[in-house]
Amino acid sequence: MLVAAVVAGAEAVGLLVLATAVVVQAARGDRASVSQALLLAALAVLWALSLAWCAWGLLRVRRWARSPVVLSQLLLLAVGVPLVQGSSGRLVGVLVLVASVVGLVASFAPSSTAALEHRSL
């Protein structure tokens, strides 16, 4: 559970970095639409906060936390694949893919499943 929680926490930090970068780009005028940039930043912050809350839940071995973390890992896999295939952002894509796979494996590890089965809601 600890590995899954750490990965989810690291991804939450990454999403906050993304939100900050988008806002900075919009402030500098690098983005075509400021409103779209702010919406993207707001969604990234909301996702980061939700993921951080679920990471906290995993640390406390709460069953409710695993499903949103697994969903997030699957979504990040879908984000990472095009990043790896593109010319820019290849390193970020690899990091996203590795973190997603590690998070999924840790979430479904036998020790994680056993811990969640023996813990009440």
PDB file of N, CA and C in Angstrom:
ATOM      1  N   MET A   1       0.825  -1.190   0.000  1.00  0.00           N
ATOM      2  CA  MET A   1       0.000   0.000   0.000  1.00  0.00           C
ATOM      3  C   MET A   1       0.870   1.255   0.000  1.00  0.00           C
ATOM      4  N   LEU A   2       1.994   1.162   0.675  1.00  0.00           N
ATOM      5  CA  LEU A   2       2.872   2.323   0.769  1.00  0.00           C
ATOM      6  C   LEU A   2       3.358   2.763  -0.608  1.00  0.00           C
ATOM      7  N   VAL A   3       3.741   1.813  -1.449  1.00  0.00           N
ATOM      8  CA  VAL A   3       4.231   2.156  -2.792  1.00  0.00           C
ATOM      9  C   VAL A   3       3.118   2.808  -3.608  1.00  0.00           C
ATOM     10  N   ALA A   4       1.928   2.258  -3.556  1.00  0.00           N
ATOM     11  CA  ALA A   4       0.800   2.840  -4.293  1.00  0.00           C
ATOM     12  C   ALA A   4       0.499   4.250  -3.798  1.00  0.00           C
ATOM     13  N   ALA A   5       0.578   4.455  -2.492  1.00  0.00           N
ATOM     14  CA  ALA A   5       0.322   5.780  -1.929  1.00  0.00           C
ATOM     15  C   ALA A   5       1.402   6.780  -2.340  1.00  0.00           C
ATOM     16  N   VAL A   6       2.644   6.346  -2.324  1.00  0.00           N
ATOM     17  CA  VAL A   6       3.749   7.240  -2.711  1.00  0.00           C
ATOM     18  C   VAL A   6       3.643   7.608  -4.195  1.00  0.00           C
ATOM     19  N   VAL A   7       3.318   6.643  -5.029  1.00  0.00           N
ATOM     20  CA  VAL A   7       3.166   6.922  -6.462  1.00  0.00           C
ATOM     21  C   VAL A   7       2.018   7.904  -6.683  1.00  0.00           C
ATOM     22  N   ALA A   8       0.892   7.677  -6.019  1.00  0.00           N
ATOM     23  CA  ALA A   8      -0.251   8.585  -6.160  1.00  0.00           C
ATOM     24  C   ALA A   8       0.107   9.984  -5.669  1.00  0.00           C
ATOM     25  N   GLY A   9       0.838  10.071  -4.576  1.00  0.00           N
ATOM     26  CA  GLY A   9       1.271  11.368  -4.073  1.00  0.00           C
ATOM     27  C   GLY A   9       2.208  12.075  -5.037  1.00  0.00           C
ATOM     28  N   ALA A  10       3.126  11.323  -5.624  1.00  0.00           N
ATOM     29  CA  ALA A  10       4.055  11.907  -6.595  1.00  0.00           C
ATOM     30  C   ALA A  10       3.301  12.383  -7.842  1.00  0.00           C
ATOM     31  N   GLU A  11       2.326  11.619  -8.261  1.00  0.00           N
ATOM     32  CA  GLU A  11       1.522  12.043  -9.411  1.00  0.00           C
ATOM     33  C   GLU A  11       0.724  13.298  -9.091  1.00  0.00           C
ATOM     34  N   ALA A  12       0.244  13.413  -7.862  1.00  0.00           N
ATOM     35  CA  ALA A  12      -0.467  14.625  -7.445  1.00  0.00           C
ATOM     36  C   ALA A  12       0.455  15.837  -7.534  1.00  0.00           C
ATOM     37  N   VAL A  13       1.681  15.674  -7.100  1.00  0.00           N
ATOM     38  CA  VAL A  13       2.653  16.763  -7.201  1.00  0.00           C
ATOM     39  C   VAL A  13       2.913  17.103  -8.673  1.00  0.00           C
ATOM     40  N   GLY A  14       3.035  16.085  -9.505  1.00  0.00           N
ATOM     41  CA  GLY A  14       3.237  16.310 -10.931  1.00  0.00           C
ATOM     42  C   GLY A  14       2.082  17.079 -11.565  1.00  0.00           C
ATOM     43  N   LEU A  15       0.873  16.769 -11.146  1.00  0.00           N
ATOM     44  CA  LEU A  15      -0.285  17.494 -11.672  1.00  0.00           C
ATOM     45  C   LEU A  15      -0.283  18.952 -11.221  1.00  0.00           C
ATOM     46  N   LEU A  16       0.173  19.196 -10.003  1.00  0.00           N
ATOM     47  CA  LEU A  16       0.282  20.582  -9.534  1.00  0.00           C
ATOM     48  C   LEU A  16       1.345  21.345 -10.323  1.00  0.00           C
ATOM     49  N   VAL A  17       2.435  20.662 -10.662  1.00  0.00           N
ATOM     50  CA  VAL A  17       3.470  21.277 -11.503  1.00  0.00           C
ATOM     51  C   VAL A  17       2.892  21.597 -12.883  1.00  0.00           C
ATOM     52  N   LEU A  18       2.125  20.675 -13.432  1.00  0.00           N
ATOM     53  CA  LEU A  18       1.482  20.911 -14.729  1.00  0.00           C
ATOM     54  C   LEU A  18       0.570  22.129 -14.652  1.00  0.00           C
ATOM     55  N   ALA A  19      -0.250  22.213 -13.618  1.00  0.00           N
ATOM     56  CA  ALA A  19      -1.164  23.343 -13.472  1.00  0.00           C
ATOM     57  C   ALA A  19      -0.399  24.661 -13.393  1.00  0.00           C
ATOM     58  N   THR A  20       0.683  24.647 -12.651  1.00  0.00           N
ATOM     59  CA  THR A  20       1.503  25.862 -12.525  1.00  0.00           C
ATOM     60  C   THR A  20       2.106  26.251 -13.874  1.00  0.00           C
ATOM     61  N   ALA A  21       2.620  25.288 -14.592  1.00  0.00           N
ATOM     62  CA  ALA A  21       3.217  25.564 -15.906  1.00  0.00           C
ATOM     63  C   ALA A  21       2.183  26.122 -16.881  1.00  0.00           C
ATOM     64  N   VAL A  22       0.986  25.593 -16.844  1.00  0.00           N
ATOM     65  CA  VAL A  22      -0.072  26.070 -17.743  1.00  0.00           C
ATOM     66  C   VAL A  22      -0.435  27.518 -17.414  1.00  0.00           C
ATOM     67  N   VAL A  23      -0.539  27.830 -16.131  1.00  0.00           N
ATOM     68  CA  VAL A  23      -0.869  29.199 -15.728  1.00  0.00           C
ATOM     69  C   VAL A  23       0.250  30.162 -16.133  1.00  0.00           C
ATOM     70  N   VAL A  24       1.500  29.749 -15.936  1.00  0.00           N
ATOM     71  CA  VAL A  24       2.633  30.598 -16.321  1.00  0.00           C
ATOM     72  C   VAL A  24       2.634  30.824 -17.829  1.00  0.00           C
ATOM     73  N   GLN A  25       2.390  29.789 -18.608  1.00  0.00           N
ATOM     74  CA  GLN A  25       2.331  29.943 -20.062  1.00  0.00           C
ATOM     75  C   GLN A  25       1.210  30.896 -20.473  1.00  0.00           C
ATOM     76  N   ALA A  26       0.069  30.775 -19.818  1.00  0.00           N
ATOM     77  CA  ALA A  26      -1.058  31.653 -20.140  1.00  0.00           C
ATOM     78  C   ALA A  26      -0.735  33.099 -19.777  1.00  0.00           C
ATOM     79  N   ALA A  27      -0.055  33.307 -18.655  1.00  0.00           N
ATOM     80  CA  ALA A  27       0.311  34.664 -18.237  1.00  0.00           C
ATOM     81  C   ALA A  27       1.323  35.294 -19.187  1.00  0.00           C
ATOM     82  N   ARG A  28       2.205  34.476 -19.752  1.00  0.00           N
ATOM     83  CA  ARG A  28       3.214  34.980 -20.691  1.00  0.00           C
ATOM     84  C   ARG A  28       2.654  35.170 -22.092  1.00  0.00           C
ATOM     85  N   GLY A  29       1.462  34.673 -22.321  1.00  0.00           N
ATOM     86  CA  GLY A  29       0.862  34.799 -23.646  1.00  0.00           C
ATOM     87  C   GLY A  29       1.213  33.670 -24.583  1.00  0.00           C
ATOM     88  N   ASP A  30       1.770  32.580 -24.055  1.00  0.00           N
ATOM     89  CA  ASP A  30       2.152  31.434 -24.888  1.00  0.00           C
ATOM     90  C   ASP A  30       0.967  30.558 -25.274  1.00  0.00           C
ATOM     91  N   ARG A  31      -0.146  30.774 -24.654  1.00  0.00           N
ATOM     92  CA  ARG A  31      -1.348  29.973 -24.924  1.00  0.00           C
ATOM     93  C   ARG A  31      -2.320  30.778 -25.773  1.00  0.00           C
ATOM     94  N   ALA A  32      -2.979  30.113 -26.707  1.00  0.00           N
ATOM     95  CA  ALA A  32      -3.927  30.797 -27.584  1.00  0.00           C
ATOM     96  C   ALA A  32      -5.162  31.252 -26.803  1.00  0.00           C
ATOM     97  N   SER A  33      -5.610  30.451 -25.861  1.00  0.00           N
ATOM     98  CA  SER A  33      -6.810  30.778 -25.106  1.00  0.00           C
ATOM     99  C   SER A  33      -6.504  30.738 -23.614  1.00  0.00           C
ATOM    100  N   VAL A  34      -6.609  31.890 -22.985  1.00  0.00           N
ATOM    101  CA  VAL A  34      -6.360  31.966 -21.544  1.00  0.00           C
ATOM    102  C   VAL A  34      -7.440  31.209 -20.782  1.00  0.00           C
ATOM    103  N   SER A  35      -8.671  31.298 -21.225  1.00  0.00           N
ATOM    104  CA  SER A  35      -9.751  30.616 -20.512  1.00  0.00           C
ATOM    105  C   SER A  35      -9.575  29.095 -20.559  1.00  0.00           C
ATOM    106  N   GLN A  36      -9.142  28.564 -21.695  1.00  0.00           N
ATOM    107  CA  GLN A  36      -8.887  27.128 -21.782  1.00  0.00           C
ATOM    108  C   GLN A  36      -7.709  26.727 -20.909  1.00  0.00           C
ATOM    109  N   ALA A  37      -6.695  27.561 -20.848  1.00  0.00           N
ATOM    110  CA  ALA A  37      -5.532  27.276 -20.006  1.00  0.00           C
ATOM    111  C   ALA A  37      -5.935  27.262 -18.533  1.00  0.00           C
ATOM    112  N   LEU A  38      -6.748  28.217 -18.136  1.00  0.00           N
ATOM    113  CA  LEU A  38      -7.189  28.263 -16.739  1.00  0.00           C
ATOM    114  C   LEU A  38      -8.091  27.078 -16.398  1.00  0.00           C
ATOM    115  N   LEU A  39      -8.913  26.666 -17.336  1.00  0.00           N
ATOM    116  CA  LEU A  39      -9.747  25.482 -17.114  1.00  0.00           C
ATOM    117  C   LEU A  39      -8.880  24.236 -16.964  1.00  0.00           C
ATOM    118  N   LEU A  40      -7.883  24.100 -17.830  1.00  0.00           N
ATOM    119  CA  LEU A  40      -6.962  22.963 -17.730  1.00  0.00           C
ATOM    120  C   LEU A  40      -6.233  22.979 -16.391  1.00  0.00           C
ATOM    121  N   ALA A  41      -5.779  24.138 -15.975  1.00  0.00           N
ATOM    122  CA  ALA A  41      -5.086  24.257 -14.692  1.00  0.00           C
ATOM    123  C   ALA A  41      -6.015  23.903 -13.531  1.00  0.00           C
ATOM    124  N   ALA A  42      -7.245  24.376 -13.587  1.00  0.00           N
ATOM    125  CA  ALA A  42      -8.203  24.079 -12.519  1.00  0.00           C
ATOM    126  C   ALA A  42      -8.499  22.580 -12.448  1.00  0.00           C
ATOM    127  N   LEU A  43      -8.657  21.943 -13.599  1.00  0.00           N
ATOM    128  CA  LEU A  43      -8.901  20.498 -13.613  1.00  0.00           C
ATOM    129  C   LEU A  43      -7.697  19.720 -13.092  1.00  0.00           C
ATOM    130  N   ALA A  44      -6.500  20.166 -13.446  1.00  0.00           N
ATOM    131  CA  ALA A  44      -5.289  19.498 -12.950  1.00  0.00           C
ATOM    132  C   ALA A  44      -5.183  19.639 -11.431  1.00  0.00           C
ATOM    133  N   VAL A  45      -5.513  20.820 -10.903  1.00  0.00           N
ATOM    134  CA  VAL A  45      -5.482  21.020  -9.446  1.00  0.00           C
ATOM    135  C   VAL A  45      -6.528  20.143  -8.764  1.00  0.00           C
ATOM    136  N   LEU A  46      -7.720  20.085  -9.331  1.00  0.00           N
ATOM    137  CA  LEU A  46      -8.773  19.240  -8.750  1.00  0.00           C
ATOM    138  C   LEU A  46      -8.365  17.770  -8.757  1.00  0.00           C
ATOM    139  N   TRP A  47      -7.782  17.316  -9.862  1.00  0.00           N
ATOM    140  CA  TRP A  47      -7.304  15.935  -9.968  1.00  0.00           C
ATOM    141  C   TRP A  47      -6.186  15.694  -8.955  1.00  0.00           C
ATOM    142  N   ALA A  48      -5.276  16.653  -8.820  1.00  0.00           N
ATOM    143  CA  ALA A  48      -4.161  16.512  -7.873  1.00  0.00           C
ATOM    144  C   ALA A  48      -4.671  16.411  -6.438  1.00  0.00           C
ATOM    145  N   LEU A  49      -5.608  17.271  -6.077  1.00  0.00           N
ATOM    146  CA  LEU A  49      -6.149  17.229  -4.717  1.00  0.00           C
ATOM    147  C   LEU A  49      -6.882  15.919  -4.447  1.00  0.00           C
ATOM    148  N   SER A  50      -7.635  15.452  -5.429  1.00  0.00           N
ATOM    149  CA  SER A  50      -8.341  14.172  -5.276  1.00  0.00           C
ATOM    150  C   SER A  50      -7.358  13.014  -5.143  1.00  0.00           C
ATOM    151  N   LEU A  51      -6.327  13.044  -5.944  1.00  0.00           N
ATOM    152  CA  LEU A  51      -5.321  11.983  -5.899  1.00  0.00           C
ATOM    153  C   LEU A  51      -4.548  12.013  -4.584  1.00  0.00           C
ATOM    154  N   ALA A  52      -4.251  13.202  -4.087  1.00  0.00           N
ATOM    155  CA  ALA A  52      -3.561  13.321  -2.796  1.00  0.00           C
ATOM    156  C   ALA A  52      -4.444  12.794  -1.668  1.00  0.00           C
ATOM    157  N   TRP A  53      -5.726  13.091  -1.730  1.00  0.00           N
ATOM    158  CA  TRP A  53      -6.660  12.596  -0.716  1.00  0.00           C
ATOM    159  C   TRP A  53      -6.716  11.064  -0.753  1.00  0.00           C
ATOM    160  N   CYS A  54      -6.735  10.494  -1.951  1.00  0.00           N
ATOM    161  CA  CYS A  54      -6.752   9.035  -2.082  1.00  0.00           C
ATOM    162  C   CYS A  54      -5.428   8.428  -1.627  1.00  0.00           C
ATOM    163  N   ALA A  55      -4.318   9.107  -1.881  1.00  0.00           N
ATOM    164  CA  ALA A  55      -3.019   8.619  -1.384  1.00  0.00           C
ATOM    165  C   ALA A  55      -3.036   8.562   0.134  1.00  0.00           C
ATOM    166  N   TRP A  56      -3.593   9.581   0.749  1.00  0.00           N
ATOM    167  CA  TRP A  56      -3.739   9.589   2.208  1.00  0.00           C
ATOM    168  C   TRP A  56      -4.606   8.404   2.652  1.00  0.00           C
ATOM    169  N   GLY A  57      -5.676   8.139   1.904  1.00  0.00           N
ATOM    170  CA  GLY A  57      -6.539   7.000   2.214  1.00  0.00           C
ATOM    171  C   GLY A  57      -5.808   5.673   2.094  1.00  0.00           C
ATOM    172  N   LEU A  58      -4.956   5.549   1.094  1.00  0.00           N
ATOM    173  CA  LEU A  58      -4.172   4.323   0.950  1.00  0.00           C
ATOM    174  C   LEU A  58      -3.197   4.154   2.111  1.00  0.00           C
ATOM    175  N   LEU A  59      -2.596   5.258   2.540  1.00  0.00           N
ATOM    176  CA  LEU A  59      -1.691   5.176   3.686  1.00  0.00           C
ATOM    177  C   LEU A  59      -2.413   4.707   4.945  1.00  0.00           C
ATOM    178  N   ARG A  60      -3.682   5.049   5.044  1.00  0.00           N
ATOM    179  CA  ARG A  60      -4.489   4.638   6.195  1.00  0.00           C
ATOM    180  C   ARG A  60      -5.212   3.308   5.935  1.00  0.00           C
ATOM    181  N   VAL A  61      -4.887   2.671   4.801  1.00  0.00           N
ATOM    182  CA  VAL A  61      -5.435   1.375   4.376  1.00  0.00           C
ATOM    183  C   VAL A  61      -6.967   1.429   4.344  1.00  0.00           C
ATOM    184  N   ARG A  62      -7.476   2.350   3.580  1.00  0.00           N
ATOM    185  CA  ARG A  62      -8.917   2.502   3.380  1.00  0.00           C
ATOM    186  C   ARG A  62      -9.299   1.934   2.021  1.00  0.00           C
ATOM    187  N   ARG A  63     -10.326   1.087   2.022  1.00  0.00           N
ATOM    188  CA  ARG A  63     -10.743   0.438   0.780  1.00  0.00           C
ATOM    189  C   ARG A  63     -11.217   1.424  -0.275  1.00  0.00           C
ATOM    190  N   TRP A  64     -11.889   2.474   0.147  1.00  0.00           N
ATOM    191  CA  TRP A  64     -12.452   3.433  -0.803  1.00  0.00           C
ATOM    192  C   TRP A  64     -11.375   4.103  -1.653  1.00  0.00           C
ATOM    193  N   ALA A  65     -10.145   4.125  -1.185  1.00  0.00           N
ATOM    194  CA  ALA A  65      -9.092   4.875  -1.874  1.00  0.00           C
ATOM    195  C   ALA A  65      -8.529   4.145  -3.093  1.00  0.00           C
ATOM    196  N   ARG A  66      -8.640   2.834  -3.121  1.00  0.00           N
ATOM    197  CA  ARG A  66      -7.991   2.100  -4.210  1.00  0.00           C
ATOM    198  C   ARG A  66      -8.665   2.325  -5.561  1.00  0.00           C
ATOM    199  N   SER A  67      -9.968   2.310  -5.629  1.00  0.00           N
ATOM    200  CA  SER A  67     -10.653   2.452  -6.917  1.00  0.00           C
ATOM    201  C   SER A  67     -10.333   3.765  -7.627  1.00  0.00           C
ATOM    202  N   PRO A  68     -10.393   4.922  -6.944  1.00  0.00           N
ATOM    203  CA  PRO A  68     -10.026   6.149  -7.655  1.00  0.00           C
ATOM    204  C   PRO A  68      -8.557   6.187  -8.068  1.00  0.00           C
ATOM    205  N   VAL A  69      -7.690   5.577  -7.277  1.00  0.00           N
ATOM    206  CA  VAL A  69      -6.269   5.542  -7.638  1.00  0.00           C
ATOM    207  C   VAL A  69      -6.079   4.668  -8.883  1.00  0.00           C
ATOM    208  N   VAL A  70      -6.744   3.537  -8.943  1.00  0.00           N
ATOM    209  CA  VAL A  70      -6.653   2.667 -10.122  1.00  0.00           C
ATOM    210  C   VAL A  70      -7.197   3.391 -11.356  1.00  0.00           C
ATOM    211  N   LEU A  71      -8.330   4.069 -11.213  1.00  0.00           N
ATOM    212  CA  LEU A  71      -8.883   4.828 -12.333  1.00  0.00           C
ATOM    213  C   LEU A  71      -7.902   5.901 -12.791  1.00  0.00           C
ATOM    214  N   SER A  72      -7.293   6.580 -11.857  1.00  0.00           N
ATOM    215  CA  SER A  72      -6.311   7.611 -12.188  1.00  0.00           C
ATOM    216  C   SER A  72      -5.113   7.019 -12.920  1.00  0.00           C
ATOM    217  N   GLN A  73      -4.654   5.854 -12.472  1.00  0.00           N
ATOM    218  CA  GLN A  73      -3.521   5.202 -13.138  1.00  0.00           C
ATOM    219  C   GLN A  73      -3.878   4.847 -14.583  1.00  0.00           C
ATOM    220  N   LEU A  74      -5.092   4.372 -14.794  1.00  0.00           N
ATOM    221  CA  LEU A  74      -5.520   4.024 -16.152  1.00  0.00           C
ATOM    222  C   LEU A  74      -5.608   5.267 -17.035  1.00  0.00           C
ATOM    223  N   LEU A  75      -6.122   6.357 -16.479  1.00  0.00           N
ATOM    224  CA  LEU A  75      -6.183   7.606 -17.237  1.00  0.00           C
ATOM    225  C   LEU A  75      -4.782   8.115 -17.575  1.00  0.00           C
ATOM    226  N   LEU A  76      -3.876   7.998 -16.612  1.00  0.00           N
ATOM    227  CA  LEU A  76      -2.506   8.448 -16.863  1.00  0.00           C
ATOM    228  C   LEU A  76      -1.795   7.549 -17.881  1.00  0.00           C
ATOM    229  N   LEU A  77      -2.150   6.278 -17.926  1.00  0.00           N
ATOM    230  CA  LEU A  77      -1.618   5.423 -18.997  1.00  0.00           C
ATOM    231  C   LEU A  77      -2.060   5.953 -20.362  1.00  0.00           C
ATOM    232  N   ALA A  78      -3.329   6.346 -20.438  1.00  0.00           N
ATOM    233  CA  ALA A  78      -3.855   6.878 -21.692  1.00  0.00           C
ATOM    234  C   ALA A  78      -3.198   8.202 -22.066  1.00  0.00           C
ATOM    235  N   VAL A  79      -2.743   8.952 -21.082  1.00  0.00           N
ATOM    236  CA  VAL A  79      -2.042  10.208 -21.343  1.00  0.00           C
ATOM    237  C   VAL A  79      -0.583   9.939 -21.718  1.00  0.00           C
ATOM    238  N   GLY A  80       0.025   8.973 -21.067  1.00  0.00           N
ATOM    239  CA  GLY A  80       1.445   8.703 -21.268  1.00  0.00           C
ATOM    240  C   GLY A  80       1.783   8.125 -22.626  1.00  0.00           C
ATOM    241  N   VAL A  81       0.912   7.298 -23.174  1.00  0.00           N
ATOM    242  CA  VAL A  81       1.203   6.647 -24.457  1.00  0.00           C
ATOM    243  C   VAL A  81       1.402   7.673 -25.577  1.00  0.00           C
ATOM    244  N   PRO A  82       0.491   8.638 -25.769  1.00  0.00           N
ATOM    245  CA  PRO A  82       0.744   9.627 -26.830  1.00  0.00           C
ATOM    246  C   PRO A  82       1.967  10.506 -26.550  1.00  0.00           C
ATOM    247  N   LEU A  83       2.255  10.761 -25.279  1.00  0.00           N
ATOM    248  CA  LEU A  83       3.449  11.547 -24.965  1.00  0.00           C
ATOM    249  C   LEU A  83       4.721  10.815 -25.392  1.00  0.00           C
ATOM    250  N   VAL A  84       4.761   9.505 -25.176  1.00  0.00           N
ATOM    251  CA  VAL A  84       5.925   8.706 -25.574  1.00  0.00           C
ATOM    252  C   VAL A  84       6.044   8.664 -27.091  1.00  0.00           C
ATOM    253  N   GLN A  85       4.929   8.609 -27.769  1.00  0.00           N
ATOM    254  CA  GLN A  85       4.952   8.504 -29.226  1.00  0.00           C
ATOM    255  C   GLN A  85       5.262   9.825 -29.911  1.00  0.00           C
ATOM    256  N   GLY A  86       5.043  10.941 -29.207  1.00  0.00           N
ATOM    257  CA  GLY A  86       5.299  12.254 -29.794  1.00  0.00           C
ATOM    258  C   GLY A  86       6.774  12.612 -29.748  1.00  0.00           C
ATOM    259  N   SER A  87       7.098  13.697 -30.420  1.00  0.00           N
ATOM    260  CA  SER A  87       8.504  14.112 -30.465  1.00  0.00           C
ATOM    261  C   SER A  87       8.893  14.920 -29.236  1.00  0.00           C
ATOM    262  N   SER A  88       7.982  15.731 -28.728  1.00  0.00           N
ATOM    263  CA  SER A  88       8.290  16.494 -27.518  1.00  0.00           C
ATOM    264  C   SER A  88       7.573  15.849 -26.332  1.00  0.00           C
ATOM    265  N   GLY A  89       8.194  15.854 -25.203  1.00  0.00           N
ATOM    266  CA  GLY A  89       7.570  15.275 -24.021  1.00  0.00           C
ATOM    267  C   GLY A  89       7.764  13.785 -23.881  1.00  0.00           C
ATOM    268  N   ARG A  90       8.718  13.228 -24.611  1.00  0.00           N
ATOM    269  CA  ARG A  90       8.939  11.785 -24.559  1.00  0.00           C
ATOM    270  C   ARG A  90       9.370  11.338 -23.163  1.00  0.00           C
ATOM    271  N   LEU A  91      10.275  12.089 -22.530  1.00  0.00           N
ATOM    272  CA  LEU A  91      10.735  11.740 -21.184  1.00  0.00           C
ATOM    273  C   LEU A  91       9.591  11.810 -20.174  1.00  0.00           C
ATOM    274  N   VAL A  92       8.781  12.845 -20.289  1.00  0.00           N
ATOM    275  CA  VAL A  92       7.623  12.967 -19.392  1.00  0.00           C
ATOM    276  C   VAL A  92       6.681  11.790 -19.611  1.00  0.00           C
ATOM    277  N   GLY A  93       6.477  11.414 -20.846  1.00  0.00           N
ATOM    278  CA  GLY A  93       5.614  10.270 -21.151  1.00  0.00           C
ATOM    279  C   GLY A  93       6.121   8.982 -20.537  1.00  0.00           C
ATOM    280  N   VAL A  94       7.419   8.767 -20.614  1.00  0.00           N
ATOM    281  CA  VAL A  94       8.005   7.568 -20.005  1.00  0.00           C
ATOM    282  C   VAL A  94       7.801   7.590 -18.491  1.00  0.00           C
ATOM    283  N   LEU A  95       8.027   8.745 -17.880  1.00  0.00           N
ATOM    284  CA  LEU A  95       7.816   8.859 -16.430  1.00  0.00           C
ATOM    285  C   LEU A  95       6.365   8.593 -16.052  1.00  0.00           C
ATOM    286  N   VAL A  96       5.446   9.133 -16.828  1.00  0.00           N
ATOM    287  CA  VAL A  96       4.018   8.918 -16.561  1.00  0.00           C
ATOM    288  C   VAL A  96       3.669   7.440 -16.704  1.00  0.00           C
ATOM    289  N   LEU A  97       4.174   6.806 -17.763  1.00  0.00           N
ATOM    290  CA  LEU A  97       3.877   5.382 -17.977  1.00  0.00           C
ATOM    291  C   LEU A  97       4.462   4.509 -16.867  1.00  0.00           C
ATOM    292  N   VAL A  98       5.699   4.771 -16.501  1.00  0.00           N
ATOM    293  CA  VAL A  98       6.338   3.967 -15.442  1.00  0.00           C
ATOM    294  C   VAL A  98       5.587   4.143 -14.129  1.00  0.00           C
ATOM    295  N   ALA A  99       5.265   5.382 -13.786  1.00  0.00           N
ATOM    296  CA  ALA A  99       4.537   5.629 -12.537  1.00  0.00           C
ATOM    297  C   ALA A  99       3.175   4.946 -12.556  1.00  0.00           C
ATOM    298  N   SER A 100       2.488   4.991 -13.678  1.00  0.00           N
ATOM    299  CA  SER A 100       1.171   4.361 -13.781  1.00  0.00           C
ATOM    300  C   SER A 100       1.247   2.852 -13.610  1.00  0.00           C
ATOM    301  N   VAL A 101       2.207   2.238 -14.278  1.00  0.00           N
ATOM    302  CA  VAL A 101       2.352   0.784 -14.173  1.00  0.00           C
ATOM    303  C   VAL A 101       2.732   0.388 -12.741  1.00  0.00           C
ATOM    304  N   VAL A 102       3.673   1.115 -12.154  1.00  0.00           N
ATOM    305  CA  VAL A 102       4.069   0.815 -10.767  1.00  0.00           C
ATOM    306  C   VAL A 102       2.883   1.009  -9.831  1.00  0.00           C
ATOM    307  N   GLY A 103       2.115   2.078 -10.032  1.00  0.00           N
ATOM    308  CA  GLY A 103       0.938   2.314  -9.199  1.00  0.00           C
ATOM    309  C   GLY A 103      -0.108   1.220  -9.331  1.00  0.00           C
ATOM    310  N   LEU A 104      -0.331   0.760 -10.555  1.00  0.00           N
ATOM    311  CA  LEU A 104      -1.304  -0.330 -10.764  1.00  0.00           C
ATOM    312  C   LEU A 104      -0.836  -1.630 -10.124  1.00  0.00           C
ATOM    313  N   VAL A 105       0.431  -1.964 -10.346  1.00  0.00           N
ATOM    314  CA  VAL A 105       0.970  -3.203  -9.767  1.00  0.00           C
ATOM    315  C   VAL A 105       0.912  -3.143  -8.244  1.00  0.00           C
ATOM    316  N   ALA A 106       1.292  -2.007  -7.673  1.00  0.00           N
ATOM    317  CA  ALA A 106       1.265  -1.870  -6.213  1.00  0.00           C
ATOM    318  C   ALA A 106      -0.157  -1.903  -5.666  1.00  0.00           C
ATOM    319  N   SER A 107      -1.100  -1.354  -6.410  1.00  0.00           N
ATOM    320  CA  SER A 107      -2.496  -1.349  -5.955  1.00  0.00           C
ATOM    321  C   SER A 107      -3.090  -2.748  -5.920  1.00  0.00           C
ATOM    322  N   PHE A 108      -2.656  -3.586  -6.866  1.00  0.00           N
ATOM    323  CA  PHE A 108      -3.201  -4.941  -6.935  1.00  0.00           C
ATOM    324  C   PHE A 108      -2.255  -6.011  -6.401  1.00  0.00           C
ATOM    325  N   ALA A 109      -1.189  -5.605  -5.765  1.00  0.00           N
ATOM    326  CA  ALA A 109      -0.272  -6.577  -5.172  1.00  0.00           C
ATOM    327  C   ALA A 109      -1.008  -7.410  -4.136  1.00  0.00           C
ATOM    328  N   PRO A 110      -0.648  -8.681  -3.997  1.00  0.00           N
ATOM    329  CA  PRO A 110      -1.330  -9.524  -3.018  1.00  0.00           C
ATOM    330  C   PRO A 110      -1.321  -8.933  -1.600  1.00  0.00           C
ATOM    331  N   SER A 111      -0.228  -8.312  -1.213  1.00  0.00           N
ATOM    332  CA  SER A 111      -0.166  -7.726   0.132  1.00  0.00           C
ATOM    333  C   SER A 111      -1.140  -6.557   0.267  1.00  0.00           C
ATOM    334  N   SER A 112      -1.300  -5.769  -0.794  1.00  0.00           N
ATOM    335  CA  SER A 112      -2.252  -4.655  -0.753  1.00  0.00           C
ATOM    336  C   SER A 112      -3.686  -5.170  -0.666  1.00  0.00           C
ATOM    337  N   THR A 113      -3.989  -6.155  -1.479  1.00  0.00           N
ATOM    338  CA  THR A 113      -5.330  -6.720  -1.458  1.00  0.00           C
ATOM    339  C   THR A 113      -5.641  -7.347  -0.103  1.00  0.00           C
ATOM    340  N   ALA A 114      -4.684  -8.056   0.450  1.00  0.00           N
ATOM    341  CA  ALA A 114      -4.886  -8.679   1.764  1.00  0.00           C
ATOM    342  C   ALA A 114      -5.100  -7.622   2.838  1.00  0.00           C
ATOM    343  N   ALA A 115      -4.327  -6.554   2.785  1.00  0.00           N
ATOM    344  CA  ALA A 115      -4.474  -5.489   3.787  1.00  0.00           C
ATOM    345  C   ALA A 115      -5.852  -4.850   3.679  1.00  0.00           C
ATOM    346  N   LEU A 116      -6.313  -4.613   2.454  1.00  0.00           N
ATOM    347  CA  LEU A 116      -7.619  -3.984   2.276  1.00  0.00           C
ATOM    348  C   LEU A 116      -8.748  -4.914   2.659  1.00  0.00           C
ATOM    349  N   GLU A 117      -8.600  -6.206   2.459  1.00  0.00           N
ATOM    350  CA  GLU A 117      -9.643  -7.151   2.818  1.00  0.00           C
ATOM    351  C   GLU A 117      -9.811  -7.278   4.316  1.00  0.00           C
ATOM    352  N   HIS A 118      -8.737  -7.072   5.057  1.00  0.00           N
ATOM    353  CA  HIS A 118      -8.801  -7.216   6.511  1.00  0.00           C
ATOM    354  C   HIS A 118      -9.085  -5.915   7.231  1.00  0.00           C
ATOM    355  N   ARG A 119      -9.233  -4.836   6.480  1.00  0.00           N
ATOM    356  CA  ARG A 119      -9.480  -3.518   7.082  1.00  0.00           C
ATOM    357  C   ARG A 119     -10.940  -3.147   6.846  1.00  0.00           C
ATOM    358  N   SER A 120     -11.588  -2.662   7.861  1.00  0.00           N
ATOM    359  CA  SER A 120     -12.989  -2.226   7.702  1.00  0.00           C
ATOM    360  C   SER A 120     -13.024  -0.844   7.076  1.00  0.00           C
ATOM    361  N   LEU A 121     -14.179  -0.470   6.555  1.00  0.00           N
ATOM    362  CA  LEU A 121     -14.353   0.845   5.957  1.00  0.00           C
ATOM    363  C   LEU A 121     -14.220   1.868   7.044  1.00  0.00           C
TER     364      LEU A 121
END
